[in-house]
Each structure stands twice: as C-alpha cells, then as structure tokens.
Protein backbone atom coordinates (compact mmCIF):
# COMPACT_ATOMS: atom_id res chain seq x y z
CA UNK A 1 -41.88 167.07 53.39
CA UNK A 2 -39.56 169.94 54.57
CA UNK A 3 -36.41 171.28 52.81
CA UNK A 4 -34.17 169.14 55.12
CA UNK A 5 -35.91 166.02 53.89
CA UNK A 6 -35.93 167.04 50.49
CA UNK A 7 -32.25 167.51 50.39
CA UNK A 8 -31.89 164.25 51.92
CA UNK A 9 -34.07 162.60 49.25
CA UNK A 10 -32.06 164.07 46.42
CA UNK A 11 -29.04 162.49 47.94
CA UNK A 12 -30.68 159.09 48.30
CA UNK A 13 -31.99 159.19 44.81
CA UNK A 14 -28.41 160.06 43.68
CA UNK A 15 -26.92 157.28 45.68
CA UNK A 16 -29.67 154.88 44.30
CA UNK A 17 -28.64 155.60 40.66
CA UNK A 18 -31.53 157.83 39.70
CA UNK A 19 -30.36 160.12 36.83
CA UNK A 20 -30.26 163.82 37.81
CA UNK A 21 -32.96 164.80 35.38
CA UNK A 22 -35.48 162.26 36.85
CA UNK A 23 -35.09 163.03 40.58
CA UNK A 24 -38.00 165.38 40.69
CA UNK A 25 -40.28 163.02 39.01
CA UNK A 26 -42.76 162.08 41.84
CA UNK A 27 -46.68 161.73 42.01
CA UNK A 28 -46.85 164.05 44.90
CA UNK A 29 -47.17 167.87 44.97
CA UNK A 30 -44.04 168.31 47.07
CA UNK A 31 -41.15 168.06 44.67
CA UNK A 32 -42.47 167.10 41.35
CA UNK A 33 -42.40 169.88 38.40
CA UNK A 34 -46.02 170.99 37.56
CA UNK A 35 -45.76 169.78 34.08
CA UNK A 36 -44.60 166.21 34.94
CA UNK A 37 -47.27 165.91 37.84
CA UNK A 38 -50.08 167.03 35.60
CA UNK A 39 -48.99 164.62 32.76
CA UNK A 40 -49.14 161.68 35.24
CA UNK A 41 -52.49 162.76 36.71
CA UNK A 42 -54.30 163.38 33.28
CA UNK A 43 -52.83 160.31 31.48
CA UNK A 44 -56.12 158.83 30.41
CA UNK A 45 -54.51 156.25 28.22
CA UNK A 46 -52.88 154.70 31.27
CA UNK A 47 -54.71 155.79 34.30
CA UNK A 48 -54.90 152.31 35.85
CA UNK A 49 -51.12 151.98 36.07
CA UNK A 50 -51.00 154.33 39.23
CA UNK A 51 -53.48 152.20 41.20
CA UNK A 52 -51.43 148.85 40.04
CA UNK A 53 -48.12 150.35 41.06
CA UNK A 54 -49.76 151.37 44.46
CA UNK A 55 -51.02 147.88 44.95
CA UNK A 56 -47.61 146.37 44.32
CA UNK A 57 -45.91 148.56 46.78
CA UNK A 58 -48.82 148.57 49.51
CA UNK A 59 -48.05 147.84 53.21
CA UNK A 60 -44.76 147.01 54.89
CA UNK A 61 -44.07 143.92 53.00
CA UNK A 62 -43.36 144.54 49.45
CA UNK A 63 -44.01 141.61 46.98
CA UNK A 64 -44.74 143.20 43.75
CA UNK A 65 -43.30 142.89 40.53
CA UNK A 66 -44.19 144.94 37.58
CA UNK A 67 -43.35 144.71 33.81
CA UNK A 68 -44.26 147.83 31.83
CA UNK A 69 -43.92 147.77 28.13
CA UNK A 70 -44.70 150.07 25.24
CA UNK A 71 -43.28 151.87 22.31
CA UNK A 72 -40.83 154.75 22.73
CA UNK A 73 -42.19 157.73 24.54
CA UNK A 74 -45.24 156.25 26.06
CA UNK A 75 -44.15 157.01 29.58
CA UNK A 76 -42.80 153.85 31.09
CA UNK A 77 -39.77 155.48 32.56
CA UNK A 78 -41.69 158.49 33.78
CA UNK A 79 -44.25 156.52 35.60
CA UNK A 80 -42.13 153.91 37.32
CA UNK A 81 -39.46 156.30 38.23
CA UNK A 82 -42.03 158.61 39.87
CA UNK A 83 -43.23 155.44 41.98
CA UNK A 84 -39.47 154.70 42.64
CA UNK A 85 -38.84 158.35 44.01
CA UNK A 86 -42.13 158.20 46.05
CA UNK A 87 -41.04 155.04 47.59
CA UNK A 88 -37.70 156.73 48.65
CA UNK A 89 -39.47 159.90 49.76
CA UNK A 90 -41.47 157.79 52.27
CA UNK A 91 -38.34 156.45 53.71
CA UNK A 92 -36.13 159.46 53.79
CA UNK A 93 -36.01 159.81 57.68
CA UNK A 94 -35.59 156.18 58.06
CA UNK A 95 -32.47 156.19 56.09
CA UNK A 96 -31.19 159.32 57.55
CA UNK A 97 -31.87 158.31 61.12
CA UNK A 98 -30.30 154.85 60.61
CA UNK A 99 -33.19 152.42 60.61
CA UNK A 100 -32.82 148.78 59.91
CA UNK A 101 -31.30 148.08 56.49
CA UNK A 102 -30.45 151.72 55.94
CA UNK A 103 -27.31 150.79 54.19
CA UNK A 104 -29.24 149.06 51.59
CA UNK A 105 -30.88 151.62 49.23
CA UNK A 106 -33.12 151.06 46.46
CA UNK A 107 -31.31 150.62 43.00
CA UNK A 108 -32.29 152.42 39.66
CA UNK A 109 -30.37 151.33 36.66
CA UNK A 110 -30.74 150.42 33.01
CA UNK A 111 -29.92 147.09 31.78
CA UNK A 112 -26.96 148.41 29.86
CA UNK A 113 -25.88 150.00 33.22
CA UNK A 114 -26.11 146.65 34.95
CA UNK A 115 -24.03 144.94 32.42
CA UNK A 116 -21.27 147.64 32.36
CA UNK A 117 -21.29 148.05 36.22
CA UNK A 118 -20.78 144.20 36.48
CA UNK A 119 -17.97 144.21 34.01
CA UNK A 120 -16.28 147.15 35.77
CA UNK A 121 -16.66 145.47 39.22
CA UNK A 122 -14.93 142.40 37.88
CA UNK A 123 -11.61 144.37 37.76
CA UNK A 124 -11.59 143.61 41.37
CA UNK A 125 -11.65 139.82 40.71
CA UNK A 126 -14.54 137.44 41.05
CA UNK A 127 -15.47 138.56 44.58
CA UNK A 128 -15.87 142.18 43.07
CA UNK A 129 -18.39 141.10 40.58
CA UNK A 130 -20.18 138.82 42.79
CA UNK A 131 -20.51 141.62 45.40
CA UNK A 132 -21.98 143.93 42.86
CA UNK A 133 -24.46 141.42 41.67
CA UNK A 134 -25.48 140.55 45.21
CA UNK A 135 -26.07 144.29 46.08
CA UNK A 136 -28.45 144.52 42.99
CA UNK A 137 -30.22 141.27 43.99
CA UNK A 138 -30.76 142.40 47.46
CA UNK A 139 -31.85 146.00 47.04
CA UNK A 140 -35.14 146.67 48.69
CA UNK A 141 -36.72 147.89 45.53
CA UNK A 142 -34.93 147.47 41.93
CA UNK A 143 -36.03 149.40 38.90
CA UNK A 144 -34.45 147.98 35.67
CA UNK A 145 -35.04 150.38 32.94
CA UNK A 146 -34.77 149.78 29.22
CA UNK A 147 -34.82 145.96 29.25
CA UNK A 148 -33.71 144.73 25.82
CA UNK A 149 -32.91 148.20 24.75
CA UNK A 150 -29.81 147.13 22.75
CA UNK A 151 -32.10 144.68 20.81
CA UNK A 152 -29.20 142.20 20.96
CA UNK A 153 -29.41 138.97 22.89
CA UNK A 154 -27.35 139.03 26.07
CA UNK A 155 -24.28 136.81 26.38
CA UNK A 156 -24.55 133.63 28.46
CA UNK A 157 -22.78 135.29 31.23
CA UNK A 158 -25.11 138.28 31.24
CA UNK A 159 -28.16 135.83 31.11
CA UNK A 160 -26.90 134.06 34.04
CA UNK A 161 -26.58 137.21 36.03
CA UNK A 162 -30.16 138.25 35.26
CA UNK A 163 -31.46 134.67 36.21
CA UNK A 164 -29.61 134.94 39.54
CA UNK A 165 -30.79 138.49 40.29
CA UNK A 166 -34.30 137.37 39.45
CA UNK A 167 -34.31 134.11 41.37
CA UNK A 168 -33.03 136.02 44.43
CA UNK A 169 -35.40 138.72 44.37
CA UNK A 170 -38.29 136.19 43.92
CA UNK A 171 -37.08 134.02 46.64
CA UNK A 172 -37.03 136.90 49.15
CA UNK A 173 -40.16 138.78 47.91
CA UNK A 174 -38.39 141.89 46.72
CA UNK A 175 -40.27 144.22 44.52
CA UNK A 176 -38.82 144.65 40.95
CA UNK A 177 -39.87 147.07 38.26
CA UNK A 178 -38.93 146.55 34.65
CA UNK A 179 -39.62 148.67 31.70
CA UNK A 180 -39.16 147.56 27.99
CA UNK A 181 -39.93 148.60 24.43
CA UNK A 182 -40.47 144.85 23.70
CA UNK A 183 -44.28 144.38 23.59
CA UNK A 184 -44.66 140.65 23.43
CA UNK A 185 -43.64 137.67 25.54
CA UNK A 186 -42.59 135.74 22.33
CA UNK A 187 -40.04 138.58 21.68
CA UNK A 188 -38.81 138.65 25.24
CA UNK A 189 -38.36 134.76 25.20
CA UNK A 190 -36.30 134.84 22.02
CA UNK A 191 -34.09 137.50 23.66
CA UNK A 192 -33.95 136.05 27.20
CA UNK A 193 -34.96 132.40 26.99
CA UNK A 194 -37.83 130.64 28.57
CA UNK A 195 -36.45 130.43 32.17
CA UNK A 196 -36.27 134.21 32.75
CA UNK A 197 -39.38 135.02 30.82
CA UNK A 198 -41.30 132.26 32.85
CA UNK A 199 -40.09 133.95 36.07
CA UNK A 200 -41.26 137.34 34.65
CA UNK A 201 -44.70 135.99 33.77
CA UNK A 202 -45.09 134.25 37.10
CA UNK A 203 -44.15 137.22 39.15
CA UNK A 204 -45.66 140.22 37.30
CA UNK A 205 -49.20 138.66 36.68
CA UNK A 206 -48.99 139.90 33.17
CA UNK A 207 -47.27 142.62 30.95
CA UNK A 208 -48.86 146.14 31.32
CA UNK A 209 -48.60 147.72 27.89
CA UNK A 210 -48.81 151.51 27.85
CA UNK A 211 -50.55 153.03 25.06
CA UNK A 212 -51.34 156.47 23.60
CA UNK A 213 -49.10 158.90 21.52
CA UNK A 214 -45.43 159.44 21.73
CA UNK A 215 -45.23 162.20 24.54
CA UNK A 216 -41.75 163.22 23.34
CA UNK A 217 -43.04 164.02 19.79
CA UNK A 218 -46.10 165.77 21.16
CA UNK A 219 -43.83 168.02 23.35
CA UNK A 220 -41.76 168.86 20.42
CA UNK A 221 -44.85 169.52 18.29
CA UNK A 222 -46.34 171.90 20.88
CA UNK A 223 -43.31 174.03 21.40
C-alpha cells in the first residue's frame, strides 16, 4: 500500500466511523503500530480468532457473523477492529475509483452510538430515522462494539431496531461482527430477548470467548 492508498484508507475509516485512535490497528505490516501488531500476532490465549475472522471474510461473498465476548481488556475491540480495517484496506482503490456500491461503506459503531445516532436522525422525522437504520442494515460490513455495555435492557423501540437490522443483514448475507462483555447466552437473552439471541446463535455458530489477562492493566503495570 502506497502513501496515496494509506491516506485514502484513513479517510474511508473516518467516514466508516472508526475512532481516530483505532484507525492504525491492522494485522498487516503496512500501517499498524509495531506494538499493536506484535500483540495481535503473539496472542497465545486467542490465537484461533485470527483464522476464524479470516474464514468469515473469505472470498468475494461474505456471509460471516461473529460474536466475540470476554471480560474488559481481553482484546475484543482490538482484534475485530483490526479485521475491519484490513477489510477496508483491501478495498481502498475500489472505493476511490468508484466501483459498484462504493457509496456504501462498512460501518463501525458502538451500541450506544447506534441508539444516539438513531435518535438524532429522528429530528428529520420518521423518514430520517428509517433512512439511518436502513444505512446500518445495508452496510457491507457492520462492527457493533460494546453490545450491552450500558448493562441496561434496551427499550422496546431500540430492540425493534436491532431486530430489524439483524433480520435484514441475515436475509442479505451481510457480515456482522459484535463485541460484548457479556459472556453467556442466558445473560444476553435476559437483555435482548429470545428472538434476537436466537438469530445471534444461528448466525455466529457460537460465541467466541476471549481469555487471558486484562491487557490494559498489563500495560499500566509494565510502564
């Protein structure tokens, strides 16, 4: 990837919603800071996650869903965001040169961000909110970070939105990555209900639980 492509990639990631601090997280040598890349490559606790992610995104037709869980600091956001960024990096020229569907970028957002953005878009009336939800439902790749992060059960309106997004993404085989600190299906069902969780189970083929130490505490202790 040349500098021109890298600048375009940073623009794509910004437009896709990836936080600035996360835009250099990749699993390639091109743009990833050395410490992040080494951490991903030597992660013996979760070494199979890389191959699972690659399998979910293999080929031209992407049908993979992934639910990654684990306690705080286990690397959920790092791993899945690195895969998200790699996905965008492989398509940088496609978006720049106006390939089919170039106006539909992947979307990275937190669950809280999803709710906030939907509420803000409602200021334009029902059509504004519906348009935003449709955009999320039809993104070529969706990364929904910190699912259940508030620890509060979503409202009926929020649950209805999540159900619609998942149904649409399932119907059209659109890859969907989700991260959560909730580590059991029972806890997820209490928060989201059996309909949403049933869809998660069906499409993810199981929850991937990341193990190992809290990397954030390790970094603090090593400084």
